[in-house]
Amino acid sequence: SVVRDNAKKCIVEAEFNIADYQLKSIFSEEDLDYLDQSILRRELLA
């Protein structure tokens, strides 16, 4: 219901500076590329 009328999908993107969050181990566990400037994105289709 949050997808705007007549839109195919909604996109929310958040950019974080995680240099001080000590998340390298989590990124390694999930086999993800670690970047101090990391971007999380969520796409929701109608």
All heavy atoms as atom14 arrays in JSON, in Angstrom:
{
  "sequence": "SVVRDNAKKCIVEAEFNIADYQLKSIFSEEDLDYLDQSILRRELLA",
  "atom14_mask": [
    [1, 1, 1, 1, 1, 1, 0, 0, 0, 0, 0, 0, 0, 0],
    [1, 1, 1, 1, 1, 1, 1, 0, 0, 0, 0, 0, 0, 0],
    [1, 1, 1, 1, 1, 1, 1, 0, 0, 0, 0, 0, 0, 0],
    [1, 1, 1, 1, 1, 1, 1, 1, 1, 1, 1, 0, 0, 0],
    [1, 1, 1, 1, 1, 1, 1, 1, 0, 0, 0, 0, 0, 0],
    [1, 1, 1, 1, 1, 1, 1, 1, 0, 0, 0, 0, 0, 0],
    [1, 1, 1, 1, 1, 0, 0, 0, 0, 0, 0, 0, 0, 0],
    [1, 1, 1, 1, 1, 1, 1, 1, 1, 0, 0, 0, 0, 0],
    [1, 1, 1, 1, 1, 1, 1, 1, 1, 0, 0, 0, 0, 0],
    [1, 1, 1, 1, 1, 1, 0, 0, 0, 0, 0, 0, 0, 0],
    [1, 1, 1, 1, 1, 1, 1, 1, 0, 0, 0, 0, 0, 0],
    [1, 1, 1, 1, 1, 1, 1, 0, 0, 0, 0, 0, 0, 0],
    [1, 1, 1, 1, 1, 1, 1, 1, 1, 0, 0, 0, 0, 0],
    [1, 1, 1, 1, 1, 0, 0, 0, 0, 0, 0, 0, 0, 0],
    [1, 1, 1, 1, 1, 1, 1, 1, 1, 0, 0, 0, 0, 0],
    [1, 1, 1, 1, 1, 1, 1, 1, 1, 1, 1, 0, 0, 0],
    [1, 1, 1, 1, 1, 1, 1, 1, 0, 0, 0, 0, 0, 0],
    [1, 1, 1, 1, 1, 1, 1, 1, 0, 0, 0, 0, 0, 0],
    [1, 1, 1, 1, 1, 0, 0, 0, 0, 0, 0, 0, 0, 0],
    [1, 1, 1, 1, 1, 1, 1, 1, 0, 0, 0, 0, 0, 0],
    [1, 1, 1, 1, 1, 1, 1, 1, 1, 1, 1, 1, 0, 0],
    [1, 1, 1, 1, 1, 1, 1, 1, 1, 0, 0, 0, 0, 0],
    [1, 1, 1, 1, 1, 1, 1, 1, 0, 0, 0, 0, 0, 0],
    [1, 1, 1, 1, 1, 1, 1, 1, 1, 0, 0, 0, 0, 0],
    [1, 1, 1, 1, 1, 1, 0, 0, 0, 0, 0, 0, 0, 0],
    [1, 1, 1, 1, 1, 1, 1, 1, 0, 0, 0, 0, 0, 0],
    [1, 1, 1, 1, 1, 1, 1, 1, 1, 1, 1, 0, 0, 0],
    [1, 1, 1, 1, 1, 1, 0, 0, 0, 0, 0, 0, 0, 0],
    [1, 1, 1, 1, 1, 1, 1, 1, 1, 0, 0, 0, 0, 0],
    [1, 1, 1, 1, 1, 1, 1, 1, 1, 0, 0, 0, 0, 0],
    [1, 1, 1, 1, 1, 1, 1, 1, 0, 0, 0, 0, 0, 0],
    [1, 1, 1, 1, 1, 1, 1, 1, 0, 0, 0, 0, 0, 0],
    [1, 1, 1, 1, 1, 1, 1, 1, 0, 0, 0, 0, 0, 0],
    [1, 1, 1, 1, 1, 1, 1, 1, 1, 1, 1, 1, 0, 0],
    [1, 1, 1, 1, 1, 1, 1, 1, 0, 0, 0, 0, 0, 0],
    [1, 1, 1, 1, 1, 1, 1, 1, 0, 0, 0, 0, 0, 0],
    [1, 1, 1, 1, 1, 1, 1, 1, 1, 0, 0, 0, 0, 0],
    [1, 1, 1, 1, 1, 1, 0, 0, 0, 0, 0, 0, 0, 0],
    [1, 1, 1, 1, 1, 1, 1, 1, 0, 0, 0, 0, 0, 0],
    [1, 1, 1, 1, 1, 1, 1, 1, 0, 0, 0, 0, 0, 0],
    [1, 1, 1, 1, 1, 1, 1, 1, 1, 1, 1, 0, 0, 0],
    [1, 1, 1, 1, 1, 1, 1, 1, 1, 1, 1, 0, 0, 0],
    [1, 1, 1, 1, 1, 1, 1, 1, 1, 0, 0, 0, 0, 0],
    [1, 1, 1, 1, 1, 1, 1, 1, 0, 0, 0, 0, 0, 0],
    [1, 1, 1, 1, 1, 1, 1, 1, 0, 0, 0, 0, 0, 0],
    [1, 1, 1, 1, 1, 0, 0, 0, 0, 0, 0, 0, 0, 0]
  ],
  "atom14_positions": [
    [[0.82, -1.22, 0.0], [0.0, 0.0, 0.0], [0.85, 1.27, 0.0], [0.35, 2.36, -0.31], [-0.92, 0.02, 1.23], [-0.17, 0.07, 2.43], [0.0, 0.0, 0.0], [0.0, 0.0, 0.0], [0.0, 0.0, 0.0], [0.0, 0.0, 0.0], [0.0, 0.0, 0.0], [0.0, 0.0, 0.0], [0.0, 0.0, 0.0], [0.0, 0.0, 0.0]],
    [[2.16, 1.14, 0.33], [3.02, 2.33, 0.35], [3.54, 2.68, -1.04], [4.13, 3.74, -1.23], [4.22, 2.13, 1.32], [3.74, 1.87, 2.73], [5.15, 1.01, 0.85], [0.0, 0.0, 0.0], [0.0, 0.0, 0.0], [0.0, 0.0, 0.0], [0.0, 0.0, 0.0], [0.0, 0.0, 0.0], [0.0, 0.0, 0.0], [0.0, 0.0, 0.0]],
    [[3.36, 1.78, -2.01], [3.79, 2.09, -3.38], [2.87, 3.16, -3.94], [1.65, 3.01, -3.96], [3.76, 0.82, -4.27], [4.22, 1.17, -5.68], [4.62, -0.28, -3.68], [0.0, 0.0, 0.0], [0.0, 0.0, 0.0], [0.0, 0.0, 0.0], [0.0, 0.0, 0.0], [0.0, 0.0, 0.0], [0.0, 0.0, 0.0], [0.0, 0.0, 0.0]],
    [[3.45, 4.25, -4.39], [2.67, 5.39, -4.87], [1.79, 5.01, -6.05], [2.16, 4.17, -6.87], [3.6, 6.55, -5.28], [2.91, 7.91, -5.28], [3.95, 9.04, -5.39], [4.55, 9.05, -6.71], [4.09, 9.8, -7.72], [3.02, 10.56, -7.54], [4.69, 9.79, -8.89], [0.0, 0.0, 0.0], [0.0, 0.0, 0.0], [0.0, 0.0, 0.0]],
    [[0.64, 5.59, -6.13], [-0.3, 5.28, -7.2], [0.36, 5.37, -8.57], [1.13, 6.29, -8.84], [-1.49, 6.25, -7.16], [-2.36, 6.0, -5.93], [-2.22, 4.91, -5.34], [-3.14, 6.9, -5.58], [0.0, 0.0, 0.0], [0.0, 0.0, 0.0], [0.0, 0.0, 0.0], [0.0, 0.0, 0.0], [0.0, 0.0, 0.0], [0.0, 0.0, 0.0]],
    [[0.02, 4.38, -9.43], [0.49, 4.34, -10.82], [2.0, 4.12, -10.95], [2.55, 4.28, -12.04], [0.1, 5.63, -11.56], [-1.4, 5.87, -11.56], [-2.17, 4.91, -11.7], [-1.81, 7.12, -11.41], [0.0, 0.0, 0.0], [0.0, 0.0, 0.0], [0.0, 0.0, 0.0], [0.0, 0.0, 0.0], [0.0, 0.0, 0.0], [0.0, 0.0, 0.0]],
    [[2.68, 3.78, -9.86], [4.13, 3.52, -9.92], [4.37, 2.01, -10.02], [3.63, 1.21, -9.46], [4.82, 4.08, -8.68], [0.0, 0.0, 0.0], [0.0, 0.0, 0.0], [0.0, 0.0, 0.0], [0.0, 0.0, 0.0], [0.0, 0.0, 0.0], [0.0, 0.0, 0.0], [0.0, 0.0, 0.0], [0.0, 0.0, 0.0], [0.0, 0.0, 0.0]],
    [[5.39, 1.65, -10.79], [5.74, 0.25, -10.91], [6.4, -0.29, -9.65], [6.22, -1.43, -9.25], [6.67, 0.04, -12.11], [6.01, 0.33, -13.45], [6.97, 0.04, -14.6], [6.3, 0.29, -15.94], [7.23, 0.04, -17.08], [0.0, 0.0, 0.0], [0.0, 0.0, 0.0], [0.0, 0.0, 0.0], [0.0, 0.0, 0.0], [0.0, 0.0, 0.0]],
    [[7.19, 0.56, -9.01], [7.85, 0.16, -7.77], [8.33, 1.4, -7.03], [8.49, 2.48, -7.62], [9.04, -0.75, -8.06], [10.18, -0.11, -8.84], [11.3, -1.11, -9.07], [12.41, -0.49, -9.93], [13.52, -1.44, -10.18], [0.0, 0.0, 0.0], [0.0, 0.0, 0.0], [0.0, 0.0, 0.0], [0.0, 0.0, 0.0], [0.0, 0.0, 0.0]],
    [[8.53, 1.22, -5.73], [9.11, 2.32, -4.95], [10.52, 1.91, -4.55], [10.82, 0.72, -4.38], [8.25, 2.64, -3.73], [8.42, 1.49, -2.37], [0.0, 0.0, 0.0], [0.0, 0.0, 0.0], [0.0, 0.0, 0.0], [0.0, 0.0, 0.0], [0.0, 0.0, 0.0], [0.0, 0.0, 0.0], [0.0, 0.0, 0.0], [0.0, 0.0, 0.0]],
    [[11.39, 2.88, -4.4], [12.79, 2.64, -4.08], [13.19, 3.54, -2.92], [12.92, 4.74, -2.93], [13.72, 2.92, -5.28], [13.33, 2.05, -6.48], [15.17, 2.69, -4.9], [14.1, 2.37, -7.76], [0.0, 0.0, 0.0], [0.0, 0.0, 0.0], [0.0, 0.0, 0.0], [0.0, 0.0, 0.0], [0.0, 0.0, 0.0], [0.0, 0.0, 0.0]],
    [[13.81, 2.93, -1.92], [14.34, 3.71, -0.81], [15.81, 3.34, -0.68], [16.16, 2.16, -0.6], [13.61, 3.42, 0.51], [14.2, 4.28, 1.64], [12.12, 3.69, 0.36], [0.0, 0.0, 0.0], [0.0, 0.0, 0.0], [0.0, 0.0, 0.0], [0.0, 0.0, 0.0], [0.0, 0.0, 0.0], [0.0, 0.0, 0.0], [0.0, 0.0, 0.0]],
    [[16.66, 4.36, -0.66], [18.1, 4.13, -0.61], [18.7, 5.0, 0.5], [18.39, 6.18, 0.61], [18.73, 4.47, -1.96], [20.19, 4.11, -2.09], [20.71, 4.32, -3.5], [20.5, 3.45, -4.35], [21.29, 5.4, -3.74], [0.0, 0.0, 0.0], [0.0, 0.0, 0.0], [0.0, 0.0, 0.0], [0.0, 0.0, 0.0], [0.0, 0.0, 0.0]],
    [[19.55, 4.35, 1.35], [20.17, 5.07, 2.46], [21.68, 4.87, 2.41], [22.16, 3.73, 2.27], [19.61, 4.59, 3.79], [0.0, 0.0, 0.0], [0.0, 0.0, 0.0], [0.0, 0.0, 0.0], [0.0, 0.0, 0.0], [0.0, 0.0, 0.0], [0.0, 0.0, 0.0], [0.0, 0.0, 0.0], [0.0, 0.0, 0.0], [0.0, 0.0, 0.0]],
    [[22.4, 5.98, 2.49], [23.86, 5.92, 2.47], [24.39, 6.2, 3.88], [24.02, 7.19, 4.51], [24.42, 6.94, 1.48], [25.94, 6.92, 1.38], [26.48, 7.93, 0.37], [25.69, 8.33, -0.53], [27.65, 8.33, 0.49], [0.0, 0.0, 0.0], [0.0, 0.0, 0.0], [0.0, 0.0, 0.0], [0.0, 0.0, 0.0], [0.0, 0.0, 0.0]],
    [[25.27, 5.29, 4.37], [25.79, 5.4, 5.73], [27.32, 5.45, 5.72], [27.96, 4.8, 4.89], [25.38, 4.19, 6.58], [23.92, 4.1, 6.86], [23.06, 3.44, 5.98], [23.39, 4.65, 8.01], [21.72, 3.33, 6.25], [22.03, 4.56, 8.29], [21.19, 3.9, 7.4], [0.0, 0.0, 0.0], [0.0, 0.0, 0.0], [0.0, 0.0, 0.0]],
    [[27.86, 6.19, 6.66], [29.3, 6.12, 6.95], [29.44, 5.14, 8.13], [29.03, 5.44, 9.24], [29.84, 7.5, 7.33], [31.36, 7.46, 7.56], [31.93, 6.41, 7.81], [32.0, 8.62, 7.49], [0.0, 0.0, 0.0], [0.0, 0.0, 0.0], [0.0, 0.0, 0.0], [0.0, 0.0, 0.0], [0.0, 0.0, 0.0], [0.0, 0.0, 0.0]],
    [[30.01, 3.97, 7.87], [30.06, 2.92, 8.9], [31.48, 2.64, 9.36], [31.77, 1.59, 9.94], [29.42, 1.62, 8.38], [30.18, 1.08, 7.16], [27.95, 1.85, 8.02], [29.69, -0.28, 6.7], [0.0, 0.0, 0.0], [0.0, 0.0, 0.0], [0.0, 0.0, 0.0], [0.0, 0.0, 0.0], [0.0, 0.0, 0.0], [0.0, 0.0, 0.0]],
    [[32.37, 3.58, 9.12], [33.78, 3.37, 9.47], [33.97, 3.06, 10.95], [34.85, 2.27, 11.33], [34.6, 4.58, 9.07], [0.0, 0.0, 0.0], [0.0, 0.0, 0.0], [0.0, 0.0, 0.0], [0.0, 0.0, 0.0], [0.0, 0.0, 0.0], [0.0, 0.0, 0.0], [0.0, 0.0, 0.0], [0.0, 0.0, 0.0], [0.0, 0.0, 0.0]],
    [[33.16, 3.66, 11.81], [33.33, 3.49, 13.26], [32.38, 2.44, 13.85], [32.28, 2.31, 15.07], [33.11, 4.83, 13.97], [34.16, 5.85, 13.58], [35.3, 5.44, 13.28], [33.84, 7.06, 13.56], [0.0, 0.0, 0.0], [0.0, 0.0, 0.0], [0.0, 0.0, 0.0], [0.0, 0.0, 0.0], [0.0, 0.0, 0.0], [0.0, 0.0, 0.0]],
    [[31.68, 1.69, 13.01], [30.65, 0.78, 13.51], [31.15, -0.66, 13.67], [30.41, -1.52, 14.15], [29.42, 0.79, 12.59], [28.56, 2.02, 12.75], [29.02, 3.26, 12.33], [27.3, 1.95, 13.32], [28.24, 4.39, 12.48], [26.51, 3.08, 13.47], [26.99, 4.31, 13.04], [26.22, 5.44, 13.19], [0.0, 0.0, 0.0], [0.0, 0.0, 0.0]],
    [[32.38, -0.92, 13.24], [33.0, -2.25, 13.42], [32.11, -3.37, 12.87], [31.73, -4.3, 13.57], [33.3, -2.48, 14.9], [34.22, -1.41, 15.49], [34.4, -1.56, 16.99], [34.0, -2.54, 17.58], [35.03, -0.58, 17.59], [0.0, 0.0, 0.0], [0.0, 0.0, 0.0], [0.0, 0.0, 0.0], [0.0, 0.0, 0.0], [0.0, 0.0, 0.0]],
    [[31.77, -3.23, 11.6], [30.87, -4.2, 10.95], [31.57, -5.1, 9.94], [30.9, -5.82, 9.21], [29.73, -3.44, 10.26], [28.83, -2.59, 11.16], [27.77, -1.9, 10.32], [28.18, -3.45, 12.23], [0.0, 0.0, 0.0], [0.0, 0.0, 0.0], [0.0, 0.0, 0.0], [0.0, 0.0, 0.0], [0.0, 0.0, 0.0], [0.0, 0.0, 0.0]],
    [[32.89, -5.05, 9.91], [33.61, -5.85, 8.91], [33.32, -7.33, 9.06], [33.2, -8.07, 8.08], [35.12, -5.6, 9.01], [35.54, -4.21, 8.53], [37.05, -4.04, 8.61], [37.48, -2.66, 8.11], [38.95, -2.46, 8.19], [0.0, 0.0, 0.0], [0.0, 0.0, 0.0], [0.0, 0.0, 0.0], [0.0, 0.0, 0.0], [0.0, 0.0, 0.0]],
    [[33.21, -7.8, 10.3], [32.97, -9.23, 10.52], [31.61, -9.65, 9.97], [31.47, -10.73, 9.39], [33.05, -9.55, 12.02], [32.1, -8.8, 12.76], [0.0, 0.0, 0.0], [0.0, 0.0, 0.0], [0.0, 0.0, 0.0], [0.0, 0.0, 0.0], [0.0, 0.0, 0.0], [0.0, 0.0, 0.0], [0.0, 0.0, 0.0], [0.0, 0.0, 0.0]],
    [[30.59, -8.79, 10.13], [29.26, -9.12, 9.6], [29.28, -9.16, 8.08], [28.73, -10.07, 7.44], [28.22, -8.1, 10.1], [28.04, -8.22, 11.61], [26.88, -8.31, 9.38], [27.04, -7.25, 12.19], [0.0, 0.0, 0.0], [0.0, 0.0, 0.0], [0.0, 0.0, 0.0], [0.0, 0.0, 0.0], [0.0, 0.0, 0.0], [0.0, 0.0, 0.0]],
    [[29.95, -8.16, 7.46], [30.06, -8.15, 6.0], [30.79, -9.4, 5.51], [30.44, -9.99, 4.49], [30.78, -6.88, 5.54], [29.88, -5.69, 5.4], [29.33, -5.08, 6.51], [29.56, -5.19, 4.15], [28.49, -3.97, 6.39], [28.72, -4.08, 4.0], [28.18, -3.48, 5.13], [0.0, 0.0, 0.0], [0.0, 0.0, 0.0], [0.0, 0.0, 0.0]],
    [[31.81, -9.82, 6.26], [32.58, -11.01, 5.88], [31.72, -12.26, 6.02], [31.75, -13.13, 5.14], [33.82, -11.11, 6.77], [34.55, -12.28, 6.46], [0.0, 0.0, 0.0], [0.0, 0.0, 0.0], [0.0, 0.0, 0.0], [0.0, 0.0, 0.0], [0.0, 0.0, 0.0], [0.0, 0.0, 0.0], [0.0, 0.0, 0.0], [0.0, 0.0, 0.0]],
    [[30.94, -12.35, 7.09], [30.07, -13.51, 7.31], [29.06, -13.64, 6.18], [28.72, -14.77, 5.77], [29.34, -13.37, 8.64], [30.23, -13.56, 9.87], [29.47, -13.25, 11.15], [28.24, -13.03, 11.07], [30.1, -13.23, 12.23], [0.0, 0.0, 0.0], [0.0, 0.0, 0.0], [0.0, 0.0, 0.0], [0.0, 0.0, 0.0], [0.0, 0.0, 0.0]],
    [[28.55, -12.51, 5.69], [27.52, -12.53, 4.65], [28.1, -12.46, 3.24], [27.37, -12.34, 2.27], [26.54, -11.37, 4.87], [25.86, -11.38, 6.23], [25.02, -12.62, 6.45], [24.65, -13.27, 5.45], [24.75, -12.95, 7.62], [0.0, 0.0, 0.0], [0.0, 0.0, 0.0], [0.0, 0.0, 0.0], [0.0, 0.0, 0.0], [0.0, 0.0, 0.0]],
    [[29.44, -12.51, 3.15], [30.14, -12.48, 1.86], [29.79, -11.21, 1.07], [29.45, -11.27, -0.12], [29.78, -13.74, 1.04], [30.74, -13.95, -0.12], [31.88, -13.44, -0.04], [30.36, -14.61, -1.1], [0.0, 0.0, 0.0], [0.0, 0.0, 0.0], [0.0, 0.0, 0.0], [0.0, 0.0, 0.0], [0.0, 0.0, 0.0], [0.0, 0.0, 0.0]],
    [[29.87, -10.07, 1.76], [29.57, -8.78, 1.15], [30.83, -7.92, 1.09], [31.71, -8.04, 1.96], [28.49, -8.04, 1.96], [27.11, -8.69, 2.01], [26.23, -7.97, 3.02], [26.44, -8.68, 0.64], [0.0, 0.0, 0.0], [0.0, 0.0, 0.0], [0.0, 0.0, 0.0], [0.0, 0.0, 0.0], [0.0, 0.0, 0.0], [0.0, 0.0, 0.0]],
    [[30.89, -7.05, 0.09], [32.02, -6.11, -0.01], [31.84, -5.02, 1.04], [30.81, -4.35, 1.08], [32.07, -5.5, -1.41], [32.37, -6.54, -2.48], [33.07, -7.51, -2.15], [31.9, -6.37, -3.62], [0.0, 0.0, 0.0], [0.0, 0.0, 0.0], [0.0, 0.0, 0.0], [0.0, 0.0, 0.0], [0.0, 0.0, 0.0], [0.0, 0.0, 0.0]],
    [[32.88, -4.85, 1.86], [32.8, -3.81, 2.89], [33.31, -2.49, 2.35], [34.37, -2.41, 1.73], [33.63, -4.21, 4.12], [33.69, -3.13, 5.17], [32.68, -3.0, 6.1], [34.76, -2.21, 5.19], [32.71, -1.99, 7.05], [34.8, -1.19, 6.13], [33.78, -1.08, 7.07], [33.81, -0.09, 8.0], [0.0, 0.0, 0.0], [0.0, 0.0, 0.0]],
    [[32.52, -1.42, 2.6], [32.92, -0.06, 2.24], [32.59, 0.84, 3.42], [31.52, 0.7, 4.05], [32.17, 0.42, 1.0], [32.39, -0.37, -0.31], [31.43, 0.14, -1.39], [33.84, -0.24, -0.78], [0.0, 0.0, 0.0], [0.0, 0.0, 0.0], [0.0, 0.0, 0.0], [0.0, 0.0, 0.0], [0.0, 0.0, 0.0], [0.0, 0.0, 0.0]],
    [[33.48, 1.78, 3.73], [33.18, 2.73, 4.8], [31.93, 3.52, 4.48], [31.13, 3.84, 5.37], [34.37, 3.68, 5.01], [35.53, 2.99, 5.73], [35.3, 1.91, 6.32], [36.66, 3.53, 5.69], [0.0, 0.0, 0.0], [0.0, 0.0, 0.0], [0.0, 0.0, 0.0], [0.0, 0.0, 0.0], [0.0, 0.0, 0.0], [0.0, 0.0, 0.0]],
    [[31.73, 3.85, 3.2], [30.5, 4.5, 2.73], [29.63, 3.42, 2.09], [29.79, 3.1, 0.91], [30.82, 5.62, 1.74], [31.54, 6.82, 2.33], [30.66, 7.61, 3.28], [31.07, 7.92, 4.38], [29.45, 7.92, 2.86], [0.0, 0.0, 0.0], [0.0, 0.0, 0.0], [0.0, 0.0, 0.0], [0.0, 0.0, 0.0], [0.0, 0.0, 0.0]],
    [[28.74, 2.84, 2.84], [27.92, 1.74, 2.33], [26.51, 2.21, 2.05], [25.98, 3.11, 2.73], [27.88, 0.6, 3.34], [29.11, -0.1, 3.36], [0.0, 0.0, 0.0], [0.0, 0.0, 0.0], [0.0, 0.0, 0.0], [0.0, 0.0, 0.0], [0.0, 0.0, 0.0], [0.0, 0.0, 0.0], [0.0, 0.0, 0.0], [0.0, 0.0, 0.0]],
    [[25.9, 1.57, 1.04], [24.55, 1.96, 0.62], [23.61, 0.76, 0.77], [23.88, -0.33, 0.26], [24.55, 2.43, -0.85], [25.42, 3.69, -0.99], [23.12, 2.71, -1.32], [25.56, 4.16, -2.43], [0.0, 0.0, 0.0], [0.0, 0.0, 0.0], [0.0, 0.0, 0.0], [0.0, 0.0, 0.0], [0.0, 0.0, 0.0], [0.0, 0.0, 0.0]],
    [[22.5, 0.99, 1.47], [21.44, 0.0, 1.62], [20.28, 0.43, 0.74], [19.89, 1.62, 0.73], [20.97, -0.1, 3.07], [21.77, -0.99, 4.03], [23.22, -0.53, 4.13], [21.12, -1.03, 5.41], [0.0, 0.0, 0.0], [0.0, 0.0, 0.0], [0.0, 0.0, 0.0], [0.0, 0.0, 0.0], [0.0, 0.0, 0.0], [0.0, 0.0, 0.0]],
    [[19.71, -0.5, -0.02], [18.61, -0.16, -0.93], [17.51, -1.21, -0.83], [17.78, -2.41, -0.73], [19.11, -0.05, -2.38], [18.02, 0.48, -3.32], [18.56, 0.86, -4.68], [18.71, -0.28, -5.57], [19.88, -0.83, -5.91], [21.0, -0.33, -5.43], [19.94, -1.86, -6.72], [0.0, 0.0, 0.0], [0.0, 0.0, 0.0], [0.0, 0.0, 0.0]],
    [[16.29, -0.73, -0.87], [15.13, -1.62, -0.84], [14.2, -1.24, -1.97], [13.88, -0.06, -2.16], [14.41, -1.48, 0.5], [13.24, -2.45, 0.72], [13.71, -3.81, 1.2], [12.6, -4.69, 1.47], [11.96, -4.76, 2.63], [12.33, -3.96, 3.62], [10.98, -5.62, 2.8], [0.0, 0.0, 0.0], [0.0, 0.0, 0.0], [0.0, 0.0, 0.0]],
    [[13.77, -2.23, -2.74], [12.84, -2.01, -3.84], [11.57, -2.81, -3.57], [11.65, -4.0, -3.26], [13.46, -2.43, -5.17], [14.7, -1.63, -5.55], [15.29, -2.09, -6.88], [14.73, -3.05, -7.47], [16.28, -1.49, -7.34], [0.0, 0.0, 0.0], [0.0, 0.0, 0.0], [0.0, 0.0, 0.0], [0.0, 0.0, 0.0], [0.0, 0.0, 0.0]],
    [[10.43, -2.14, -3.67], [9.14, -2.8, -3.43], [8.27, -2.64, -4.67], [7.94, -1.51, -5.07], [8.45, -2.19, -2.21], [7.08, -2.76, -1.84], [7.19, -4.25, -1.53], [6.5, -2.02, -0.65], [0.0, 0.0, 0.0], [0.0, 0.0, 0.0], [0.0, 0.0, 0.0], [0.0, 0.0, 0.0], [0.0, 0.0, 0.0], [0.0, 0.0, 0.0]],
    [[7.91, -3.79, -5.29], [7.09, -3.75, -6.49], [5.61, -3.73, -6.12], [5.21, -4.24, -5.06], [7.39, -4.95, -7.39], [8.64, -4.87, -8.27], [9.9, -4.9, -7.42], [8.67, -6.02, -9.27], [0.0, 0.0, 0.0], [0.0, 0.0, 0.0], [0.0, 0.0, 0.0], [0.0, 0.0, 0.0], [0.0, 0.0, 0.0], [0.0, 0.0, 0.0]],
    [[4.8, -3.18, -7.0], [3.36, -3.12, -6.76], [2.75, -4.52, -6.64], [1.72, -4.71, -6.0], [2.68, -2.33, -7.89], [0.0, 0.0, 0.0], [0.0, 0.0, 0.0], [0.0, 0.0, 0.0], [0.0, 0.0, 0.0], [0.0, 0.0, 0.0], [0.0, 0.0, 0.0], [0.0, 0.0, 0.0], [0.0, 0.0, 0.0], [0.0, 0.0, 0.0]]
  ]
}
